[in-house]
Amino acid sequence: VVINDEELAKRIMVKDFDHFTDLRPMGYEAETKDAKIMKYQMAGLKGEQWKKVRSIMSGVFSSGKLKLMTPHIVKCGQQLEAYMTPLEEKGEELEARNIASLFTIDAMATSGYGLEINS
């Protein structure tokens, strides 16, 4: 389902979010390490377990807190760009998963804990 109406999307994603608890499975039914990680992410939870996690997480990701985090995440993006530009100019290949993981760690560390680790 694709929703193009901004007000309807806002209503679904904010006001009536508690009615959309059981999202479709994401194809991670195997018992591999990666599948287990995906299974227990918020998007993979169902019913009361989803509601409990969402109530905990909603305070962390309020619009005000997200606005405070944004400059820190942008700075991490700028550091990532500065790291990748010379590599791109040399034509070096990069492992996207590793780069994304390092960016995520940096963004979480700086916006959540005020640490600049520049991994």
C-alpha atoms as a PDB file:
ATOM      1  CA  VAL A   1       0.000   0.000   0.000  1.00  0.00           C
ATOM      2  CA  VAL A   2       1.335   3.423  -0.964  1.00  0.00           C
ATOM      3  CA  ILE A   3      -0.093   6.489   0.735  1.00  0.00           C
ATOM      4  CA  ASN A   4       0.347   9.836  -1.013  1.00  0.00           C
ATOM      5  CA  ASP A   5      -1.798  11.930   1.310  1.00  0.00           C
ATOM      6  CA  GLU A   6       0.444  13.663   3.857  1.00  0.00           C
ATOM      7  CA  GLU A   7      -2.291  14.059   6.466  1.00  0.00           C
ATOM      8  CA  LEU A   8      -3.353  10.415   6.162  1.00  0.00           C
ATOM      9  CA  ALA A   9       0.266   9.274   6.455  1.00  0.00           C
ATOM     10  CA  LYS A  10       0.729  11.431   9.554  1.00  0.00           C
ATOM     11  CA  ARG A  11      -2.421   9.995  11.084  1.00  0.00           C
ATOM     12  CA  ILE A  12      -1.289   6.423  10.425  1.00  0.00           C
ATOM     13  CA  MET A  13       2.294   6.953  11.551  1.00  0.00           C
ATOM     14  CA  VAL A  14       1.558   9.089  14.625  1.00  0.00           C
ATOM     15  CA  LYS A  15      -2.008   9.261  15.881  1.00  0.00           C
ATOM     16  CA  ASP A  16      -3.233   5.770  14.964  1.00  0.00           C
ATOM     17  CA  PHE A  17       0.112   3.997  15.102  1.00  0.00           C
ATOM     18  CA  ASP A  18      -1.057   1.648  17.853  1.00  0.00           C
ATOM     19  CA  HIS A  19      -3.549   0.097  15.406  1.00  0.00           C
ATOM     20  CA  PHE A  20      -0.740  -1.058  13.110  1.00  0.00           C
ATOM     21  CA  THR A  21       1.122  -3.400  15.437  1.00  0.00           C
ATOM     22  CA  ASP A  22       1.505  -6.554  13.385  1.00  0.00           C
ATOM     23  CA  LEU A  23       3.451  -5.613  10.294  1.00  0.00           C
ATOM     24  CA  ARG A  24       4.079  -8.128   7.545  1.00  0.00           C
ATOM     25  CA  PRO A  25       7.040 -10.440   8.097  1.00  0.00           C
ATOM     26  CA  MET A  26      10.311  -9.266   6.613  1.00  0.00           C
ATOM     27  CA  GLY A  27      11.445 -12.697   5.408  1.00  0.00           C
ATOM     28  CA  TYR A  28      13.712 -13.500   8.339  1.00  0.00           C
ATOM     29  CA  GLU A  29      12.282 -16.804   9.486  1.00  0.00           C
ATOM     30  CA  ALA A  30      15.616 -18.659   9.521  1.00  0.00           C
ATOM     31  CA  GLU A  31      17.586 -19.177  12.716  1.00  0.00           C
ATOM     32  CA  THR A  32      20.810 -17.526  11.552  1.00  0.00           C
ATOM     33  CA  LYS A  33      22.387 -14.779  13.635  1.00  0.00           C
ATOM     34  CA  ASP A  34      21.266 -12.088  11.166  1.00  0.00           C
ATOM     35  CA  ALA A  35      17.722 -13.463  11.102  1.00  0.00           C
ATOM     36  CA  LYS A  36      17.498 -13.401  14.897  1.00  0.00           C
ATOM     37  CA  ILE A  37      18.704  -9.799  14.988  1.00  0.00           C
ATOM     38  CA  MET A  38      16.076  -8.763  12.433  1.00  0.00           C
ATOM     39  CA  LYS A  39      13.357 -10.754  14.176  1.00  0.00           C
ATOM     40  CA  TYR A  40      13.746  -8.780  17.395  1.00  0.00           C
ATOM     41  CA  GLN A  41      13.878  -5.318  15.856  1.00  0.00           C
ATOM     42  CA  MET A  42      10.826  -3.175  16.485  1.00  0.00           C
ATOM     43  CA  ALA A  43       9.479  -3.683  12.958  1.00  0.00           C
ATOM     44  CA  GLY A  44       9.480  -7.449  13.494  1.00  0.00           C
ATOM     45  CA  LEU A  45       7.709  -7.492  16.855  1.00  0.00           C
ATOM     46  CA  LYS A  46       4.024  -8.239  17.221  1.00  0.00           C
ATOM     47  CA  GLY A  47       1.165  -7.530  19.611  1.00  0.00           C
ATOM     48  CA  GLU A  48       1.924  -6.682  23.225  1.00  0.00           C
ATOM     49  CA  GLN A  49       5.675  -7.080  22.760  1.00  0.00           C
ATOM     50  CA  TRP A  50       5.590  -4.408  20.017  1.00  0.00           C
ATOM     51  CA  LYS A  51       3.445  -2.076  22.148  1.00  0.00           C
ATOM     52  CA  LYS A  52       5.814  -2.393  25.120  1.00  0.00           C
ATOM     53  CA  VAL A  53       8.914  -1.614  23.035  1.00  0.00           C
ATOM     54  CA  ARG A  54       7.179   1.243  21.214  1.00  0.00           C
ATOM     55  CA  SER A  55       6.138   2.887  24.488  1.00  0.00           C
ATOM     56  CA  ILE A  56       9.749   2.756  25.660  1.00  0.00           C
ATOM     57  CA  MET A  57      11.178   4.044  22.374  1.00  0.00           C
ATOM     58  CA  SER A  58       8.645   6.791  21.661  1.00  0.00           C
ATOM     59  CA  GLY A  59      10.087   9.054  24.365  1.00  0.00           C
ATOM     60  CA  VAL A  60      13.594   8.641  23.012  1.00  0.00           C
ATOM     61  CA  PHE A  61      12.609   9.632  19.484  1.00  0.00           C
ATOM     62  CA  SER A  62      10.297  12.579  20.106  1.00  0.00           C
ATOM     63  CA  SER A  63      10.367  15.329  17.488  1.00  0.00           C
ATOM     64  CA  GLY A  64      12.232  17.651  19.851  1.00  0.00           C
ATOM     65  CA  LYS A  65      14.929  15.085  20.581  1.00  0.00           C
ATOM     66  CA  LEU A  66      15.280  14.220  16.910  1.00  0.00           C
ATOM     67  CA  LYS A  67      15.806  17.903  16.118  1.00  0.00           C
ATOM     68  CA  LEU A  68      18.595  18.010  18.705  1.00  0.00           C
ATOM     69  CA  MET A  69      20.214  14.878  17.232  1.00  0.00           C
ATOM     70  CA  THR A  70      20.123  16.053  13.621  1.00  0.00           C
ATOM     71  CA  PRO A  71      23.227  18.317  13.678  1.00  0.00           C
ATOM     72  CA  HIS A  72      25.279  15.500  15.216  1.00  0.00           C
ATOM     73  CA  ILE A  73      24.141  12.989  12.601  1.00  0.00           C
ATOM     74  CA  VAL A  74      24.825  15.495   9.811  1.00  0.00           C
ATOM     75  CA  LYS A  75      28.357  15.960  11.154  1.00  0.00           C
ATOM     76  CA  CYS A  76      28.863  12.179  11.043  1.00  0.00           C
ATOM     77  CA  GLY A  77      27.678  12.235   7.437  1.00  0.00           C
ATOM     78  CA  GLN A  78      30.176  14.968   6.612  1.00  0.00           C
ATOM     79  CA  GLN A  79      32.980  12.952   8.226  1.00  0.00           C
ATOM     80  CA  LEU A  80      31.911   9.908   6.225  1.00  0.00           C
ATOM     81  CA  GLU A  81      31.945  11.951   3.019  1.00  0.00           C
ATOM     82  CA  ALA A  82      35.425  13.289   3.826  1.00  0.00           C
ATOM     83  CA  TYR A  83      36.631   9.723   4.374  1.00  0.00           C
ATOM     84  CA  MET A  84      35.048   8.297   1.239  1.00  0.00           C
ATOM     85  CA  THR A  85      35.885  11.067  -1.266  1.00  0.00           C
ATOM     86  CA  PRO A  86      39.614  10.275  -1.594  1.00  0.00           C
ATOM     87  CA  LEU A  87      38.839   6.558  -1.826  1.00  0.00           C
ATOM     88  CA  GLU A  88      36.327   7.214  -4.580  1.00  0.00           C
ATOM     89  CA  GLU A  89      38.823   9.366  -6.479  1.00  0.00           C
ATOM     90  CA  LYS A  90      41.328   6.478  -6.356  1.00  0.00           C
ATOM     91  CA  GLY A  91      38.634   4.086  -7.572  1.00  0.00           C
ATOM     92  CA  GLU A  92      38.872   1.879  -4.488  1.00  0.00           C
ATOM     93  CA  GLU A  93      36.051  -0.489  -3.676  1.00  0.00           C
ATOM     94  CA  LEU A  94      34.351  -0.227  -0.295  1.00  0.00           C
ATOM     95  CA  GLU A  95      32.354  -2.735   1.713  1.00  0.00           C
ATOM     96  CA  ALA A  96      28.988  -0.989   2.125  1.00  0.00           C
ATOM     97  CA  ARG A  97      27.961  -3.040   5.148  1.00  0.00           C
ATOM     98  CA  ASN A  98      31.086  -2.076   7.086  1.00  0.00           C
ATOM     99  CA  ILE A  99      30.784   1.589   6.134  1.00  0.00           C
ATOM    100  CA  ALA A 100      27.102   1.666   7.135  1.00  0.00           C
ATOM    101  CA  SER A 101      27.877  -0.047  10.447  1.00  0.00           C
ATOM    102  CA  LEU A 102      30.613   2.425  11.293  1.00  0.00           C
ATOM    103  CA  PHE A 103      28.396   5.373  10.362  1.00  0.00           C
ATOM    104  CA  THR A 104      25.615   3.997  12.575  1.00  0.00           C
ATOM    105  CA  ILE A 105      27.985   3.566  15.505  1.00  0.00           C
ATOM    106  CA  ASP A 106      29.290   7.112  15.071  1.00  0.00           C
ATOM    107  CA  ALA A 107      25.789   8.585  14.771  1.00  0.00           C
ATOM    108  CA  MET A 108      24.549   6.731  17.857  1.00  0.00           C
ATOM    109  CA  ALA A 109      27.621   7.553  19.917  1.00  0.00           C
ATOM    110  CA  THR A 110      27.585  11.256  19.121  1.00  0.00           C
ATOM    111  CA  SER A 111      23.829  11.888  19.253  1.00  0.00           C
ATOM    112  CA  GLY A 112      23.108   9.570  22.184  1.00  0.00           C
ATOM    113  CA  TYR A 113      26.221   9.927  24.335  1.00  0.00           C
ATOM    114  CA  GLY A 114      28.055  13.008  23.071  1.00  0.00           C
ATOM    115  CA  LEU A 115      31.082  10.942  22.037  1.00  0.00           C
ATOM    116  CA  GLU A 116      32.963  11.679  18.827  1.00  0.00           C
ATOM    117  CA  ILE A 117      34.669   8.403  18.004  1.00  0.00           C
ATOM    118  CA  ASN A 118      34.979   8.929  14.241  1.00  0.00           C
ATOM    119  CA  SER A 119      35.298   5.226  13.588  1.00  0.00           C
END
